[in-house]
Amino acid sequence: MLIIELCPSVNLYAKAELEAEHTSQESYCNHLATFAAYSVMASKQMLVIAIAMASIAVAFLPGLSVATEHVVGDDKGWGLYFNYTAWAETNQFVVGDTIVFEYGTANHNVVEVGGPDFLACNQPDNAVVWTSGEDRLALDKAGPRWFLCGMDQHCEKGMRLKITVLETAPPAPQPKPPLDAPPPSSPAGKLELGFGDAAAVVTALAVAVLVL
């Protein structure tokens, strides 16, 4: 600017050059600011999408289940002198699970029968019989199923199994508080969020991020 004041002959030309340079710098800064604003907005939108997807996953998580493989009798397998009624009561069978009968083929087999034949230890002519020694049976529908060993009098000696297959696994029971524990109050009580509450919190966070 000092040169322009001291040299009036170049005043107009220099002033035009400086104004053009200033305009160019201002335009560049404006473009840079616009790009930065769009980048921030795009980042927020991607974050909101990620949080929304996480919210959906949390909401549907209780409905997800993992198939279980049950070895009948656990390490005892399928044989004599084992309480299969008690074993069945300690296991939960759901559609999609598999039960496995492991036994020596020279002494045992697996026969699936109906309820009356199960009670009578009877093997009808049309019964389904497995003899591989490692029979894997898919539980593809809900309801009761009955199995027994058809050799000698093994069924009468306790080698029979009844299971009840559930359509879906029931929710896990909530642990009971100790008898001497005081009831929780609103300010100091423990905050417990279910899956639905967690999904709502995640969604609210997504909205808050978008507003910022």
N, C-alpha and C. Protein backbone atom coordinates (compact mmCIF):
# COMPACT_ATOMS: atom_id res chain seq x y z
N MET A 1 0.83 -1.21 0.00
CA MET A 1 0.00 0.00 0.00
C MET A 1 0.86 1.25 0.00
N LEU A 2 2.06 1.17 0.61
CA LEU A 2 2.96 2.32 0.64
C LEU A 2 3.43 2.67 -0.76
N ILE A 3 3.69 1.62 -1.57
CA ILE A 3 4.13 1.85 -2.95
C ILE A 3 3.05 2.57 -3.73
N ILE A 4 1.81 2.20 -3.52
CA ILE A 4 0.70 2.83 -4.23
C ILE A 4 0.60 4.29 -3.86
N GLU A 5 0.82 4.63 -2.58
CA GLU A 5 0.70 6.01 -2.16
C GLU A 5 1.86 6.86 -2.70
N LEU A 6 3.07 6.27 -2.78
CA LEU A 6 4.23 7.02 -3.23
C LEU A 6 4.32 7.11 -4.75
N CYS A 7 3.70 6.21 -5.44
CA CYS A 7 3.79 6.17 -6.90
C CYS A 7 2.40 6.25 -7.49
N PRO A 8 1.86 7.45 -7.62
CA PRO A 8 0.49 7.57 -8.15
C PRO A 8 0.35 7.06 -9.56
N SER A 9 1.49 7.05 -10.31
CA SER A 9 1.38 6.62 -11.71
C SER A 9 1.03 5.15 -11.83
N VAL A 10 1.42 4.38 -10.82
CA VAL A 10 1.09 2.94 -10.88
C VAL A 10 -0.05 2.61 -9.93
N ASN A 11 -0.68 3.64 -9.43
CA ASN A 11 -1.70 3.44 -8.41
C ASN A 11 -2.83 2.55 -8.90
N LEU A 12 -3.39 2.90 -10.05
CA LEU A 12 -4.56 2.14 -10.53
C LEU A 12 -4.20 0.70 -10.85
N TYR A 13 -3.07 0.50 -11.50
CA TYR A 13 -2.67 -0.86 -11.89
C TYR A 13 -2.38 -1.72 -10.66
N ALA A 14 -1.60 -1.17 -9.72
CA ALA A 14 -1.25 -1.93 -8.53
C ALA A 14 -2.47 -2.21 -7.67
N LYS A 15 -3.34 -1.21 -7.60
CA LYS A 15 -4.56 -1.42 -6.80
C LYS A 15 -5.39 -2.54 -7.37
N ALA A 16 -5.49 -2.59 -8.70
CA ALA A 16 -6.26 -3.66 -9.34
C ALA A 16 -5.63 -5.01 -9.08
N GLU A 17 -4.26 -5.06 -9.13
CA GLU A 17 -3.57 -6.33 -8.88
C GLU A 17 -3.80 -6.81 -7.45
N LEU A 18 -3.70 -5.88 -6.50
CA LEU A 18 -3.88 -6.26 -5.10
C LEU A 18 -5.31 -6.69 -4.82
N GLU A 19 -6.26 -5.97 -5.40
CA GLU A 19 -7.65 -6.35 -5.19
C GLU A 19 -7.94 -7.72 -5.79
N ALA A 20 -7.34 -8.00 -6.97
CA ALA A 20 -7.54 -9.31 -7.59
C ALA A 20 -6.94 -10.41 -6.72
N GLU A 21 -5.74 -10.12 -6.16
CA GLU A 21 -5.10 -11.11 -5.28
C GLU A 21 -5.93 -11.33 -4.03
N HIS A 22 -6.45 -10.23 -3.47
CA HIS A 22 -7.29 -10.35 -2.27
C HIS A 22 -8.55 -11.16 -2.55
N THR A 23 -9.15 -10.88 -3.73
CA THR A 23 -10.37 -11.62 -4.11
C THR A 23 -10.07 -13.10 -4.28
N SER A 24 -8.91 -13.40 -4.89
CA SER A 24 -8.53 -14.80 -5.09
C SER A 24 -8.34 -15.50 -3.76
N GLN A 25 -7.65 -14.84 -2.82
CA GLN A 25 -7.44 -15.43 -1.50
C GLN A 25 -8.76 -15.62 -0.76
N GLU A 26 -9.63 -14.63 -0.85
CA GLU A 26 -10.92 -14.74 -0.18
C GLU A 26 -11.76 -15.87 -0.77
N SER A 27 -11.70 -16.01 -2.11
CA SER A 27 -12.44 -17.10 -2.76
C SER A 27 -11.90 -18.45 -2.33
N TYR A 28 -10.57 -18.55 -2.25
CA TYR A 28 -9.96 -19.80 -1.82
C TYR A 28 -10.37 -20.16 -0.40
N CYS A 29 -10.35 -19.14 0.48
CA CYS A 29 -10.75 -19.38 1.87
C CYS A 29 -12.21 -19.81 1.96
N ASN A 30 -13.05 -19.18 1.14
CA ASN A 30 -14.46 -19.56 1.15
C ASN A 30 -14.65 -21.01 0.69
N HIS A 31 -13.93 -21.38 -0.38
CA HIS A 31 -14.02 -22.76 -0.86
C HIS A 31 -13.52 -23.74 0.20
N LEU A 32 -12.42 -23.37 0.86
CA LEU A 32 -11.87 -24.23 1.89
C LEU A 32 -12.84 -24.39 3.05
N ALA A 33 -13.48 -23.30 3.47
CA ALA A 33 -14.45 -23.37 4.56
C ALA A 33 -15.66 -24.21 4.17
N THR A 34 -16.11 -24.05 2.92
CA THR A 34 -17.25 -24.85 2.45
C THR A 34 -16.91 -26.33 2.44
N PHE A 35 -15.71 -26.67 1.96
CA PHE A 35 -15.28 -28.07 1.93
C PHE A 35 -15.21 -28.65 3.34
N ALA A 36 -14.66 -27.85 4.27
CA ALA A 36 -14.57 -28.32 5.66
C ALA A 36 -15.95 -28.56 6.25
N ALA A 37 -16.89 -27.66 5.95
CA ALA A 37 -18.25 -27.82 6.47
C ALA A 37 -18.90 -29.08 5.93
N TYR A 38 -18.73 -29.32 4.61
CA TYR A 38 -19.29 -30.54 4.03
C TYR A 38 -18.64 -31.79 4.61
N SER A 39 -17.34 -31.72 4.87
CA SER A 39 -16.63 -32.87 5.44
C SER A 39 -17.16 -33.20 6.83
N VAL A 40 -17.36 -32.15 7.64
CA VAL A 40 -17.90 -32.36 8.99
C VAL A 40 -19.30 -32.95 8.92
N MET A 41 -20.14 -32.42 8.01
CA MET A 41 -21.50 -32.93 7.88
C MET A 41 -21.50 -34.39 7.43
N ALA A 42 -20.62 -34.71 6.47
CA ALA A 42 -20.54 -36.10 6.00
C ALA A 42 -20.08 -37.02 7.11
N SER A 43 -19.12 -36.57 7.92
CA SER A 43 -18.64 -37.39 9.03
C SER A 43 -19.76 -37.64 10.03
N LYS A 44 -20.55 -36.60 10.31
CA LYS A 44 -21.68 -36.75 11.24
C LYS A 44 -22.71 -37.73 10.69
N GLN A 45 -22.98 -37.63 9.39
CA GLN A 45 -23.96 -38.53 8.79
C GLN A 45 -23.48 -39.98 8.86
N MET A 46 -22.19 -40.22 8.58
CA MET A 46 -21.66 -41.57 8.67
C MET A 46 -21.73 -42.09 10.09
N LEU A 47 -21.44 -41.22 11.07
CA LEU A 47 -21.51 -41.62 12.47
C LEU A 47 -22.93 -41.96 12.86
N VAL A 48 -23.90 -41.16 12.39
CA VAL A 48 -25.31 -41.43 12.69
C VAL A 48 -25.73 -42.76 12.10
N ILE A 49 -25.29 -43.05 10.86
CA ILE A 49 -25.64 -44.32 10.23
C ILE A 49 -25.06 -45.49 11.03
N ALA A 50 -23.81 -45.35 11.47
CA ALA A 50 -23.18 -46.42 12.25
C ALA A 50 -23.90 -46.64 13.57
N ILE A 51 -24.28 -45.54 14.25
CA ILE A 51 -24.99 -45.66 15.52
C ILE A 51 -26.37 -46.27 15.30
N ALA A 52 -27.04 -45.89 14.21
CA ALA A 52 -28.36 -46.46 13.92
C ALA A 52 -28.27 -47.96 13.67
N MET A 53 -27.24 -48.39 12.94
CA MET A 53 -27.06 -49.82 12.70
C MET A 53 -26.78 -50.56 13.99
N ALA A 54 -25.98 -49.96 14.87
CA ALA A 54 -25.73 -50.57 16.17
C ALA A 54 -27.00 -50.67 16.99
N SER A 55 -27.84 -49.64 16.89
CA SER A 55 -29.12 -49.65 17.61
C SER A 55 -30.01 -50.78 17.14
N ILE A 56 -30.06 -50.98 15.82
CA ILE A 56 -30.88 -52.07 15.27
C ILE A 56 -30.34 -53.42 15.74
N ALA A 57 -29.02 -53.57 15.75
CA ALA A 57 -28.43 -54.83 16.20
C ALA A 57 -28.76 -55.10 17.65
N VAL A 58 -28.69 -54.06 18.49
CA VAL A 58 -29.01 -54.22 19.91
C VAL A 58 -30.47 -54.60 20.09
N ALA A 59 -31.35 -53.99 19.30
CA ALA A 59 -32.79 -54.25 19.43
C ALA A 59 -33.13 -55.69 19.08
N PHE A 60 -32.44 -56.24 18.08
CA PHE A 60 -32.76 -57.59 17.64
C PHE A 60 -31.91 -58.66 18.31
N LEU A 61 -30.96 -58.28 19.14
CA LEU A 61 -30.08 -59.24 19.76
C LEU A 61 -30.79 -60.29 20.59
N PRO A 62 -31.85 -59.96 21.37
CA PRO A 62 -32.50 -61.00 22.16
C PRO A 62 -33.09 -62.11 21.31
N GLY A 63 -33.46 -61.80 20.06
CA GLY A 63 -34.07 -62.82 19.22
C GLY A 63 -33.08 -63.77 18.60
N LEU A 64 -31.78 -63.44 18.72
CA LEU A 64 -30.78 -64.30 18.14
C LEU A 64 -30.50 -65.48 19.06
N SER A 65 -30.28 -66.63 18.48
CA SER A 65 -29.97 -67.81 19.28
C SER A 65 -28.90 -68.62 18.58
N VAL A 66 -28.14 -69.37 19.37
CA VAL A 66 -27.07 -70.20 18.85
C VAL A 66 -27.46 -71.65 19.07
N ALA A 67 -27.38 -72.45 18.01
CA ALA A 67 -27.73 -73.86 18.11
C ALA A 67 -26.76 -74.57 19.04
N THR A 68 -27.30 -75.50 19.83
CA THR A 68 -26.52 -76.25 20.80
C THR A 68 -26.50 -77.72 20.44
N GLU A 69 -25.37 -78.35 20.64
CA GLU A 69 -25.24 -79.79 20.43
C GLU A 69 -25.21 -80.47 21.80
N HIS A 70 -26.19 -81.33 22.05
CA HIS A 70 -26.31 -82.01 23.34
C HIS A 70 -25.85 -83.46 23.19
N VAL A 71 -24.81 -83.84 23.90
CA VAL A 71 -24.39 -85.24 23.93
C VAL A 71 -25.18 -85.92 25.04
N VAL A 72 -26.02 -86.88 24.66
CA VAL A 72 -26.89 -87.54 25.63
C VAL A 72 -26.05 -88.26 26.68
N GLY A 73 -26.31 -87.94 27.95
CA GLY A 73 -25.54 -88.54 29.04
C GLY A 73 -24.20 -87.89 29.28
N ASP A 74 -23.89 -86.83 28.55
CA ASP A 74 -22.60 -86.14 28.67
C ASP A 74 -21.45 -87.14 28.49
N ASP A 75 -20.52 -87.19 29.45
CA ASP A 75 -19.37 -88.09 29.29
C ASP A 75 -19.73 -89.56 29.51
N LYS A 76 -20.91 -89.84 30.04
CA LYS A 76 -21.35 -91.23 30.24
C LYS A 76 -21.90 -91.83 28.95
N GLY A 77 -22.37 -90.97 28.06
CA GLY A 77 -22.91 -91.46 26.80
C GLY A 77 -24.25 -92.16 26.97
N TRP A 78 -24.58 -93.00 26.01
CA TRP A 78 -25.86 -93.73 25.96
C TRP A 78 -25.58 -95.16 26.41
N GLY A 79 -26.02 -95.46 27.64
CA GLY A 79 -25.73 -96.78 28.20
C GLY A 79 -26.60 -97.07 29.41
N LEU A 80 -26.28 -98.14 30.07
CA LEU A 80 -27.04 -98.57 31.25
C LEU A 80 -26.59 -97.80 32.50
N TYR A 81 -27.45 -97.87 33.52
CA TYR A 81 -27.14 -97.34 34.84
C TYR A 81 -26.87 -95.83 34.82
N PHE A 82 -27.75 -95.13 34.13
CA PHE A 82 -27.67 -93.66 34.10
C PHE A 82 -29.08 -93.11 34.12
N ASN A 83 -29.28 -92.01 34.87
CA ASN A 83 -30.60 -91.40 34.99
C ASN A 83 -30.79 -90.36 33.87
N TYR A 84 -31.39 -90.80 32.77
CA TYR A 84 -31.59 -89.89 31.64
C TYR A 84 -32.74 -88.91 31.87
N THR A 85 -33.64 -89.24 32.77
CA THR A 85 -34.71 -88.29 33.12
C THR A 85 -34.12 -87.06 33.80
N ALA A 86 -33.23 -87.30 34.76
CA ALA A 86 -32.57 -86.18 35.44
C ALA A 86 -31.69 -85.40 34.47
N TRP A 87 -31.03 -86.10 33.55
CA TRP A 87 -30.18 -85.41 32.58
C TRP A 87 -31.00 -84.48 31.70
N ALA A 88 -32.15 -84.96 31.24
CA ALA A 88 -33.01 -84.14 30.37
C ALA A 88 -33.52 -82.91 31.11
N GLU A 89 -33.76 -83.04 32.40
CA GLU A 89 -34.28 -81.91 33.17
C GLU A 89 -33.24 -80.81 33.35
N THR A 90 -31.97 -81.14 33.23
CA THR A 90 -30.92 -80.14 33.40
C THR A 90 -30.48 -79.52 32.07
N ASN A 91 -31.14 -79.91 30.99
CA ASN A 91 -30.81 -79.37 29.67
C ASN A 91 -32.03 -78.71 29.05
N GLN A 92 -31.79 -77.77 28.19
CA GLN A 92 -32.86 -77.06 27.49
C GLN A 92 -32.70 -77.29 25.99
N PHE A 93 -33.74 -77.83 25.39
CA PHE A 93 -33.70 -78.21 23.98
C PHE A 93 -34.57 -77.25 23.17
N VAL A 94 -33.98 -76.69 22.11
CA VAL A 94 -34.65 -75.69 21.29
C VAL A 94 -34.56 -76.13 19.83
N VAL A 95 -35.58 -75.76 19.06
CA VAL A 95 -35.58 -76.06 17.63
C VAL A 95 -34.29 -75.54 17.00
N GLY A 96 -33.60 -76.39 16.26
CA GLY A 96 -32.31 -76.05 15.68
C GLY A 96 -31.15 -76.72 16.38
N ASP A 97 -31.38 -77.20 17.61
CA ASP A 97 -30.34 -77.93 18.33
C ASP A 97 -30.17 -79.33 17.75
N THR A 98 -29.14 -80.01 18.24
CA THR A 98 -28.85 -81.39 17.84
C THR A 98 -28.57 -82.22 19.08
N ILE A 99 -29.09 -83.45 19.13
CA ILE A 99 -28.73 -84.38 20.20
C ILE A 99 -27.90 -85.51 19.59
N VAL A 100 -26.90 -85.95 20.35
CA VAL A 100 -25.96 -86.96 19.87
C VAL A 100 -25.99 -88.14 20.82
N PHE A 101 -26.23 -89.33 20.29
CA PHE A 101 -26.18 -90.57 21.06
C PHE A 101 -24.85 -91.26 20.77
N GLU A 102 -24.02 -91.45 21.79
CA GLU A 102 -22.74 -92.13 21.64
C GLU A 102 -22.78 -93.43 22.43
N TYR A 103 -22.45 -94.57 21.79
CA TYR A 103 -22.59 -95.87 22.43
C TYR A 103 -21.82 -96.92 21.64
N GLY A 104 -21.65 -98.07 22.26
CA GLY A 104 -21.05 -99.21 21.58
C GLY A 104 -22.10 -99.93 20.75
N THR A 105 -21.82 -100.12 19.47
CA THR A 105 -22.83 -100.69 18.57
C THR A 105 -23.11 -102.16 18.85
N ALA A 106 -22.23 -102.83 19.55
CA ALA A 106 -22.46 -104.26 19.82
C ALA A 106 -23.53 -104.47 20.89
N ASN A 107 -23.77 -103.45 21.71
CA ASN A 107 -24.66 -103.64 22.86
C ASN A 107 -25.91 -102.76 22.83
N HIS A 108 -25.89 -101.68 22.08
CA HIS A 108 -27.01 -100.73 22.16
C HIS A 108 -27.41 -100.23 20.78
N ASN A 109 -28.56 -99.59 20.75
CA ASN A 109 -29.03 -98.84 19.58
C ASN A 109 -29.92 -97.72 20.07
N VAL A 110 -30.49 -96.96 19.16
CA VAL A 110 -31.40 -95.87 19.51
C VAL A 110 -32.67 -96.05 18.69
N VAL A 111 -33.80 -96.07 19.39
CA VAL A 111 -35.10 -96.25 18.74
C VAL A 111 -35.98 -95.07 19.13
N GLU A 112 -36.55 -94.40 18.13
CA GLU A 112 -37.50 -93.32 18.43
C GLU A 112 -38.92 -93.88 18.34
N VAL A 113 -39.68 -93.65 19.41
CA VAL A 113 -41.03 -94.20 19.50
C VAL A 113 -42.00 -93.10 19.91
N GLY A 114 -43.28 -93.45 20.02
CA GLY A 114 -44.29 -92.54 20.52
C GLY A 114 -44.41 -92.65 22.03
N GLY A 115 -45.26 -91.79 22.60
CA GLY A 115 -45.42 -91.77 24.05
C GLY A 115 -45.86 -93.08 24.67
N PRO A 116 -46.93 -93.73 24.17
CA PRO A 116 -47.38 -95.00 24.76
C PRO A 116 -46.32 -96.10 24.68
N ASP A 117 -45.63 -96.22 23.54
CA ASP A 117 -44.58 -97.23 23.41
C ASP A 117 -43.40 -96.92 24.33
N PHE A 118 -43.15 -95.65 24.55
CA PHE A 118 -42.08 -95.27 25.47
C PHE A 118 -42.40 -95.76 26.89
N LEU A 119 -43.63 -95.54 27.33
CA LEU A 119 -44.01 -95.96 28.68
C LEU A 119 -43.99 -97.48 28.82
N ALA A 120 -44.32 -98.19 27.75
CA ALA A 120 -44.37 -99.65 27.80
C ALA A 120 -43.06 -100.30 27.40
N CYS A 121 -42.04 -99.50 27.07
CA CYS A 121 -40.76 -100.03 26.57
C CYS A 121 -41.01 -100.97 25.39
N ASN A 122 -41.82 -100.51 24.47
CA ASN A 122 -42.18 -101.33 23.31
C ASN A 122 -41.58 -100.73 22.04
N GLN A 123 -41.04 -101.59 21.18
CA GLN A 123 -40.49 -101.15 19.90
C GLN A 123 -41.40 -101.62 18.79
N PRO A 124 -42.21 -100.72 18.21
CA PRO A 124 -43.11 -101.13 17.13
C PRO A 124 -42.33 -101.43 15.85
N ASP A 125 -42.99 -102.13 14.95
CA ASP A 125 -42.33 -102.54 13.71
C ASP A 125 -41.92 -101.36 12.83
N ASN A 126 -42.69 -100.26 12.90
CA ASN A 126 -42.39 -99.10 12.05
C ASN A 126 -41.53 -98.05 12.74
N ALA A 127 -40.91 -98.41 13.86
CA ALA A 127 -40.08 -97.45 14.59
C ALA A 127 -38.80 -97.14 13.82
N VAL A 128 -38.32 -95.91 13.99
CA VAL A 128 -37.05 -95.50 13.39
C VAL A 128 -35.92 -95.94 14.31
N VAL A 129 -34.92 -96.65 13.75
CA VAL A 129 -33.83 -97.22 14.54
C VAL A 129 -32.49 -96.67 14.01
N TRP A 130 -31.64 -96.24 14.94
CA TRP A 130 -30.28 -95.81 14.59
C TRP A 130 -29.27 -96.77 15.21
N THR A 131 -28.20 -97.05 14.48
CA THR A 131 -27.23 -98.06 14.93
C THR A 131 -25.78 -97.66 14.67
N SER A 132 -25.51 -96.40 14.40
CA SER A 132 -24.15 -96.00 14.00
C SER A 132 -23.18 -95.91 15.17
N GLY A 133 -23.69 -95.76 16.38
CA GLY A 133 -22.83 -95.57 17.54
C GLY A 133 -22.52 -94.11 17.82
N GLU A 134 -22.83 -93.25 16.85
CA GLU A 134 -22.71 -91.80 17.05
C GLU A 134 -23.80 -91.13 16.23
N ASP A 135 -25.01 -91.28 16.71
CA ASP A 135 -26.20 -90.81 15.98
C ASP A 135 -26.45 -89.35 16.31
N ARG A 136 -26.53 -88.54 15.27
CA ARG A 136 -26.78 -87.11 15.42
C ARG A 136 -28.18 -86.82 14.91
N LEU A 137 -29.06 -86.41 15.81
CA LEU A 137 -30.46 -86.19 15.48
C LEU A 137 -30.77 -84.69 15.58
N ALA A 138 -31.25 -84.12 14.48
CA ALA A 138 -31.61 -82.71 14.46
C ALA A 138 -32.99 -82.51 15.08
N LEU A 139 -33.09 -81.53 15.94
CA LEU A 139 -34.38 -81.18 16.56
C LEU A 139 -35.00 -80.09 15.70
N ASP A 140 -35.82 -80.50 14.74
CA ASP A 140 -36.33 -79.56 13.73
C ASP A 140 -37.75 -79.08 13.99
N LYS A 141 -38.38 -79.54 15.06
CA LYS A 141 -39.72 -79.07 15.38
C LYS A 141 -39.95 -79.14 16.88
N ALA A 142 -40.86 -78.29 17.35
CA ALA A 142 -41.15 -78.24 18.78
C ALA A 142 -42.06 -79.39 19.18
N GLY A 143 -41.94 -79.77 20.46
CA GLY A 143 -42.78 -80.83 20.99
C GLY A 143 -41.96 -81.92 21.66
N PRO A 144 -42.64 -82.93 22.24
CA PRO A 144 -41.92 -84.01 22.91
C PRO A 144 -41.38 -85.04 21.92
N ARG A 145 -40.28 -85.68 22.32
CA ARG A 145 -39.72 -86.79 21.55
C ARG A 145 -39.25 -87.86 22.54
N TRP A 146 -39.43 -89.11 22.14
CA TRP A 146 -39.14 -90.24 23.02
C TRP A 146 -38.14 -91.18 22.35
N PHE A 147 -37.15 -91.63 23.12
CA PHE A 147 -36.12 -92.54 22.61
C PHE A 147 -35.88 -93.65 23.63
N LEU A 148 -35.49 -94.82 23.13
CA LEU A 148 -35.15 -95.93 24.02
C LEU A 148 -34.15 -96.84 23.32
N CYS A 149 -33.54 -97.71 24.11
CA CYS A 149 -32.67 -98.75 23.56
C CYS A 149 -33.52 -100.00 23.33
N GLY A 150 -33.47 -100.52 22.12
CA GLY A 150 -34.32 -101.66 21.78
C GLY A 150 -33.67 -103.01 22.00
N MET A 151 -32.47 -103.06 22.56
CA MET A 151 -31.79 -104.33 22.76
C MET A 151 -32.09 -104.90 24.14
N ASP A 152 -32.27 -106.23 24.16
CA ASP A 152 -32.54 -106.97 25.41
C ASP A 152 -33.63 -106.25 26.20
N GLN A 153 -33.37 -106.02 27.46
CA GLN A 153 -34.33 -105.29 28.30
C GLN A 153 -33.69 -104.00 28.82
N HIS A 154 -32.92 -103.37 27.97
CA HIS A 154 -32.22 -102.15 28.40
C HIS A 154 -33.18 -101.01 28.71
N CYS A 155 -34.30 -100.95 27.99
CA CYS A 155 -35.27 -99.89 28.27
C CYS A 155 -35.82 -100.04 29.68
N GLU A 156 -36.16 -101.27 30.05
CA GLU A 156 -36.69 -101.52 31.39
C GLU A 156 -35.66 -101.18 32.47
N LYS A 157 -34.40 -101.20 32.11
CA LYS A 157 -33.33 -100.90 33.06
C LYS A 157 -32.97 -99.41 33.08
N GLY A 158 -33.80 -98.62 32.42
CA GLY A 158 -33.62 -97.17 32.50
C GLY A 158 -33.01 -96.52 31.28
N MET A 159 -32.77 -97.30 30.23
CA MET A 159 -32.12 -96.73 29.04
C MET A 159 -33.18 -96.18 28.09
N ARG A 160 -33.78 -95.09 28.50
CA ARG A 160 -34.79 -94.41 27.70
C ARG A 160 -34.75 -92.92 28.03
N LEU A 161 -35.16 -92.12 27.07
CA LEU A 161 -35.02 -90.67 27.21
C LEU A 161 -36.22 -89.97 26.60
N LYS A 162 -36.78 -89.05 27.36
CA LYS A 162 -37.83 -88.17 26.84
C LYS A 162 -37.33 -86.73 26.93
N ILE A 163 -37.48 -85.99 25.84
CA ILE A 163 -37.11 -84.57 25.84
C ILE A 163 -38.29 -83.75 25.31
N THR A 164 -38.33 -82.50 25.69
CA THR A 164 -39.33 -81.56 25.17
C THR A 164 -38.59 -80.44 24.45
N VAL A 165 -38.86 -80.30 23.17
CA VAL A 165 -38.18 -79.31 22.34
C VAL A 165 -39.01 -78.03 22.31
N LEU A 166 -38.38 -76.92 22.64
CA LEU A 166 -39.05 -75.61 22.65
C LEU A 166 -38.89 -74.93 21.30
N GLU A 167 -39.88 -74.09 20.96
CA GLU A 167 -39.80 -73.34 19.71
C GLU A 167 -38.67 -72.32 19.76
N THR A 168 -38.59 -71.59 20.86
CA THR A 168 -37.51 -70.63 21.08
C THR A 168 -37.07 -70.72 22.53
N ALA A 169 -35.87 -70.27 22.78
CA ALA A 169 -35.36 -70.29 24.14
C ALA A 169 -36.03 -69.21 24.97
N PRO A 170 -36.51 -69.51 26.17
CA PRO A 170 -37.11 -68.48 27.02
C PRO A 170 -36.04 -67.52 27.52
N PRO A 171 -36.43 -66.29 27.88
CA PRO A 171 -35.44 -65.34 28.40
C PRO A 171 -34.85 -65.82 29.71
N ALA A 172 -33.61 -65.47 29.93
CA ALA A 172 -32.94 -65.87 31.17
C ALA A 172 -33.60 -65.19 32.36
N PRO A 173 -33.83 -65.91 33.46
CA PRO A 173 -34.46 -65.29 34.63
C PRO A 173 -33.54 -64.27 35.27
N GLN A 174 -34.15 -63.20 35.80
CA GLN A 174 -33.38 -62.18 36.49
C GLN A 174 -32.96 -62.69 37.87
N PRO A 175 -31.71 -62.46 38.27
CA PRO A 175 -31.28 -62.92 39.60
C PRO A 175 -32.05 -62.21 40.71
N LYS A 176 -32.41 -62.97 41.73
CA LYS A 176 -33.15 -62.40 42.85
C LYS A 176 -32.19 -61.67 43.79
N PRO A 177 -32.58 -60.48 44.29
CA PRO A 177 -31.71 -59.76 45.22
C PRO A 177 -31.66 -60.48 46.56
N PRO A 178 -30.60 -60.29 47.35
CA PRO A 178 -30.53 -60.89 48.69
C PRO A 178 -31.69 -60.42 49.55
N LEU A 179 -32.10 -61.28 50.49
CA LEU A 179 -33.25 -60.97 51.34
C LEU A 179 -32.99 -59.74 52.20
N ASP A 180 -31.73 -59.53 52.59
CA ASP A 180 -31.43 -58.38 53.46
C ASP A 180 -31.05 -57.13 52.68
N ALA A 181 -31.14 -57.17 51.36
CA ALA A 181 -30.77 -56.00 50.56
C ALA A 181 -31.91 -54.99 50.58
N PRO A 182 -31.61 -53.69 50.80
CA PRO A 182 -32.67 -52.67 50.80
C PRO A 182 -33.18 -52.45 49.39
N PRO A 183 -34.46 -52.08 49.27
CA PRO A 183 -35.00 -51.80 47.93
C PRO A 183 -34.31 -50.60 47.32
N PRO A 184 -33.95 -50.65 46.05
CA PRO A 184 -33.26 -49.51 45.42
C PRO A 184 -34.17 -48.32 45.27
N SER A 185 -33.62 -47.13 45.54
CA SER A 185 -34.37 -45.89 45.35
C SER A 185 -34.03 -45.32 44.00
N SER A 186 -34.80 -44.34 43.56
CA SER A 186 -34.60 -43.76 42.23
C SER A 186 -33.24 -43.08 42.09
N PRO A 187 -32.80 -42.21 43.06
CA PRO A 187 -31.52 -41.54 42.86
C PRO A 187 -30.34 -42.49 42.97
N ALA A 188 -30.37 -43.37 44.01
CA ALA A 188 -29.20 -44.19 44.28
C ALA A 188 -29.35 -45.61 43.78
N GLY A 189 -30.51 -45.95 43.27
CA GLY A 189 -30.73 -47.32 42.82
C GLY A 189 -29.90 -47.63 41.60
N LYS A 190 -29.70 -48.90 41.39
CA LYS A 190 -28.90 -49.36 40.23
C LYS A 190 -29.70 -49.17 38.96
N LEU A 191 -29.06 -48.60 37.95
CA LEU A 191 -29.71 -48.39 36.66
C LEU A 191 -29.59 -49.66 35.84
N GLU A 192 -30.74 -50.20 35.44
CA GLU A 192 -30.76 -51.41 34.65
C GLU A 192 -31.45 -51.11 33.34
N LEU A 193 -30.76 -51.36 32.24
CA LEU A 193 -31.30 -51.11 30.92
C LEU A 193 -31.52 -52.42 30.20
N GLY A 194 -32.72 -52.61 29.71
CA GLY A 194 -32.98 -53.77 28.86
C GLY A 194 -32.51 -53.48 27.46
N PHE A 195 -32.70 -54.46 26.57
CA PHE A 195 -32.27 -54.28 25.19
C PHE A 195 -33.05 -53.15 24.52
N GLY A 196 -34.36 -53.05 24.83
CA GLY A 196 -35.16 -51.98 24.23
C GLY A 196 -34.70 -50.62 24.71
N ASP A 197 -34.38 -50.51 26.01
CA ASP A 197 -33.89 -49.24 26.55
C ASP A 197 -32.54 -48.89 25.94
N ALA A 198 -31.67 -49.88 25.80
CA ALA A 198 -30.36 -49.61 25.21
C ALA A 198 -30.49 -49.11 23.78
N ALA A 199 -31.40 -49.71 23.03
CA ALA A 199 -31.62 -49.27 21.65
C ALA A 199 -32.12 -47.83 21.61
N ALA A 200 -33.01 -47.47 22.55
CA ALA A 200 -33.53 -46.10 22.60
C ALA A 200 -32.42 -45.11 22.93
N VAL A 201 -31.53 -45.49 23.85
CA VAL A 201 -30.43 -44.60 24.22
C VAL A 201 -29.50 -44.38 23.03
N VAL A 202 -29.18 -45.46 22.32
CA VAL A 202 -28.30 -45.34 21.16
C VAL A 202 -28.91 -44.45 20.09
N THR A 203 -30.22 -44.61 19.86
CA THR A 203 -30.91 -43.77 18.87
C THR A 203 -30.89 -42.31 19.28
N ALA A 204 -31.10 -42.03 20.57
CA ALA A 204 -31.06 -40.66 21.06
C ALA A 204 -29.68 -40.04 20.87
N LEU A 205 -28.64 -40.83 21.08
CA LEU A 205 -27.28 -40.33 20.86
C LEU A 205 -27.06 -39.98 19.39
N ALA A 206 -27.62 -40.81 18.50
CA ALA A 206 -27.48 -40.53 17.07
C ALA A 206 -28.13 -39.21 16.70
N VAL A 207 -29.31 -38.95 17.25
CA VAL A 207 -30.01 -37.69 16.96
C VAL A 207 -29.22 -36.51 17.51
N ALA A 208 -28.65 -36.69 18.71
CA ALA A 208 -27.87 -35.60 19.31
C ALA A 208 -26.65 -35.27 18.48
N VAL A 209 -25.98 -36.30 17.95
CA VAL A 209 -24.81 -36.06 17.11
C VAL A 209 -25.19 -35.32 15.84
N LEU A 210 -26.34 -35.67 15.26
CA LEU A 210 -26.78 -35.03 14.03
C LEU A 210 -27.10 -33.56 14.25
N VAL A 211 -27.63 -33.23 15.42
CA VAL A 211 -28.00 -31.85 15.72
C VAL A 211 -26.77 -30.99 15.93
N LEU A 212 -25.72 -31.58 16.52
CA LEU A 212 -24.51 -30.80 16.83
C LEU A 212 -23.86 -30.24 15.57
